[in-house]
Every structure is written in structure tokens, then in C-alpha cells.
Protein backbone atom coordinates (compact mmCIF):
# COMPACT_ATOMS: atom_id res chain seq x y z
CA MET A 1 78.23 77.63 129.07
CA LYS A 2 78.78 76.31 125.56
CA THR A 3 81.14 78.35 123.38
CA GLN A 4 79.60 79.42 120.11
CA LYS A 5 81.53 78.31 117.05
CA LEU A 6 82.86 80.77 114.51
CA ARG A 7 80.84 80.39 111.30
CA VAL A 8 83.09 80.50 108.23
CA LEU A 9 82.38 80.79 104.51
CA ILE A 10 85.17 79.74 102.11
CA VAL A 11 85.14 81.49 98.72
CA ASP A 12 87.64 80.43 96.05
CA ASP A 13 87.37 79.39 92.42
CA HIS A 14 89.76 76.45 92.96
CA LEU A 15 87.94 73.37 94.24
CA LEU A 16 91.09 71.79 95.69
CA TRP A 17 91.82 74.90 97.78
CA ARG A 18 88.22 75.04 99.06
CA LYS A 19 88.41 71.38 100.06
CA THR A 20 91.81 71.87 101.70
CA LEU A 21 90.56 74.80 103.78
CA ASN A 22 87.40 72.92 104.71
CA LEU A 23 89.46 69.94 105.88
CA PHE A 24 91.81 72.23 107.82
CA PHE A 25 88.92 74.06 109.52
CA SER A 26 87.36 70.72 110.50
CA THR A 27 90.38 70.15 112.78
CA LEU A 28 89.77 73.38 114.71
CA PRO A 29 87.20 72.93 117.50
CA ASN A 30 85.92 76.53 117.57
CA ILE A 31 85.22 76.81 113.84
CA LYS A 32 82.35 75.55 111.70
CA VAL A 33 82.35 75.89 107.91
CA ILE A 34 78.80 76.87 106.99
CA GLY A 35 79.41 76.95 103.25
CA MET A 36 81.75 77.10 100.29
CA ALA A 37 81.38 79.13 97.12
CA ALA A 38 83.29 79.12 93.82
CA ASP A 39 82.60 82.74 92.89
CA GLY A 40 81.45 86.09 94.19
CA GLU A 41 77.84 85.74 93.10
CA SER A 42 77.51 82.42 94.94
CA ALA A 43 79.18 83.90 98.02
CA VAL A 44 76.60 86.68 98.18
CA ALA A 45 73.78 84.13 97.88
CA VAL A 46 75.22 81.90 100.61
CA CYS A 47 75.68 84.88 102.95
CA LYS A 48 72.01 85.79 102.55
CA LYS A 49 70.90 82.26 103.47
CA LEU A 50 73.50 81.38 106.12
CA PRO A 51 75.20 84.51 107.48
CA PRO A 52 78.82 83.77 108.41
CA ASP A 53 81.01 85.53 110.97
CA LEU A 54 84.10 85.25 108.77
CA VAL A 55 84.66 84.93 105.03
CA VAL A 56 87.96 83.64 103.66
CA LEU A 57 87.84 85.21 100.21
CA ASP A 58 90.11 84.70 97.20
CA VAL A 59 90.63 88.04 95.47
CA ASN A 60 91.43 86.60 92.02
CA MET A 61 88.26 84.98 90.76
CA PRO A 62 86.49 85.12 87.41
CA GLY A 63 83.33 87.20 87.25
CA MET A 64 82.92 89.26 90.40
CA ASP A 65 86.45 89.41 91.85
CA GLY A 66 87.14 89.26 95.58
CA PHE A 67 87.40 93.04 95.98
CA LYS A 68 83.97 93.64 94.46
CA THR A 69 82.57 90.66 96.38
CA ALA A 70 83.90 92.06 99.66
CA ARG A 71 82.25 95.42 99.06
CA LYS A 72 78.93 93.74 98.26
CA LEU A 73 79.10 91.45 101.30
CA LEU A 74 79.98 94.32 103.63
CA LYS A 75 77.20 96.48 102.23
CA ASP A 76 74.73 93.79 103.23
CA ASN A 77 76.59 92.73 106.45
CA PRO A 78 78.63 95.65 107.86
CA GLY A 79 80.01 93.65 110.83
CA LEU A 80 81.30 90.80 108.68
CA TRP A 81 84.99 89.93 108.92
CA ILE A 82 86.68 89.21 105.60
CA ILE A 83 90.18 87.83 105.14
CA GLY A 84 91.33 88.27 101.55
CA VAL A 85 93.68 85.63 100.18
CA THR A 86 95.83 85.47 97.06
CA ALA A 87 98.65 83.42 95.61
CA ASP A 88 100.73 86.51 94.82
CA GLU A 89 100.52 89.51 97.09
CA THR A 90 101.47 93.01 95.97
CA ALA A 91 101.33 96.37 97.71
CA ALA A 92 98.61 97.46 95.27
CA MET A 93 96.51 94.40 96.10
CA LYS A 94 96.90 95.06 99.83
CA GLN A 95 95.70 98.61 99.29
CA ARG A 96 92.71 97.42 97.24
CA ALA A 97 91.85 94.89 99.95
CA LYS A 98 91.92 97.59 102.60
CA LYS A 99 89.73 99.88 100.47
CA ALA A 100 87.28 97.01 99.92
CA GLY A 101 86.93 96.63 103.70
CA MET A 102 88.83 93.38 104.23
CA ARG A 103 90.11 92.97 107.79
CA ASN A 104 93.29 91.31 106.60
CA PHE A 105 95.00 90.18 103.44
CA VAL A 106 97.15 87.03 103.48
CA ARG A 107 99.08 85.02 100.91
CA LYS A 108 97.61 81.54 100.50
CA ASP A 109 100.89 79.86 101.45
CA LEU A 110 100.77 81.66 104.84
CA LEU A 111 97.06 81.33 105.53
CA LEU A 112 97.13 78.03 107.41
CA ASP A 113 99.68 79.49 109.84
CA TYR A 114 97.58 82.62 110.27
CA LEU A 115 94.24 80.94 111.02
CA PRO A 116 94.66 78.67 114.08
CA PRO A 117 94.83 81.49 116.66
CA ILE A 118 91.42 82.79 115.51
CA GLN A 119 88.82 82.46 118.24
CA PRO A 120 85.06 83.06 117.97
CA THR A 121 84.87 85.76 120.66
CA PRO A 122 85.48 88.96 118.64
CA PHE A 123 83.31 87.70 115.82
CA ALA A 124 80.46 86.64 118.11
CA GLN A 125 80.43 90.12 119.68
CA ALA A 126 79.78 91.61 116.22
CA ARG A 127 76.64 89.49 115.69
């Protein structure tokens, strides 16, 4: 039986960070990046066309910030897993992330260490 890959959407306003995450995910056999978006509005549009299992979402973006984006994405896709990321984490931001429905909130400098253990199984069960 073929294992289904975890479908990931990367959302960040910094092109270099999106490309770095995309390159990193390409080294993980159980993960497939289905799209990248530079802002919240684009993330919502991508999710409607190509529903992901997991969204890695920057919380500090111009326009619709990551907290508002998370609420919108979860309204349309209640089983979606969202990991919020930021360069500078505060207790208030963690609380906002939790209220927005994010499954976790990670500093960008720790994200690459956090991601490799992720497997598709819990996400696939939510589909």
C-alpha cells in the first residue's frame, strides 16, 4: 500500500523563506508542497483550489495577517492543521495563535528542527 503524502501550503511574505521551506520539504519523502502564497488572501485562494493537510503560516504579514488568515482558513476547512511561525515569539502571540485555531506556534529559527518528525498519518485521518 502506497503511503499518502502530506500536502503542505507555505504562506509567508518573504520569498527567500518560502523558497527555503520548499527546498527543505523536498528532502522529506512523506511531504509534498502543493503551493506557496505571499499573503493571506492568496493562501485562502490556494486552499480553495488545492486543499492542503497542513499550512505553515507566517503570522506577521501585510494585509490579512496570519491570525486572521488562520481563522478564515479554518472556517472553510475545520480539519486543517496550521502551524504559525514568527521571527519573534511572545506570550501574547502564542495566545493569539491558539485563539485563531493554530495547532502549534513555532519560532522560524526552530521550525526546521520541529518539522522532520511530522508524518502524514494524523493529517490523512482528518481528510
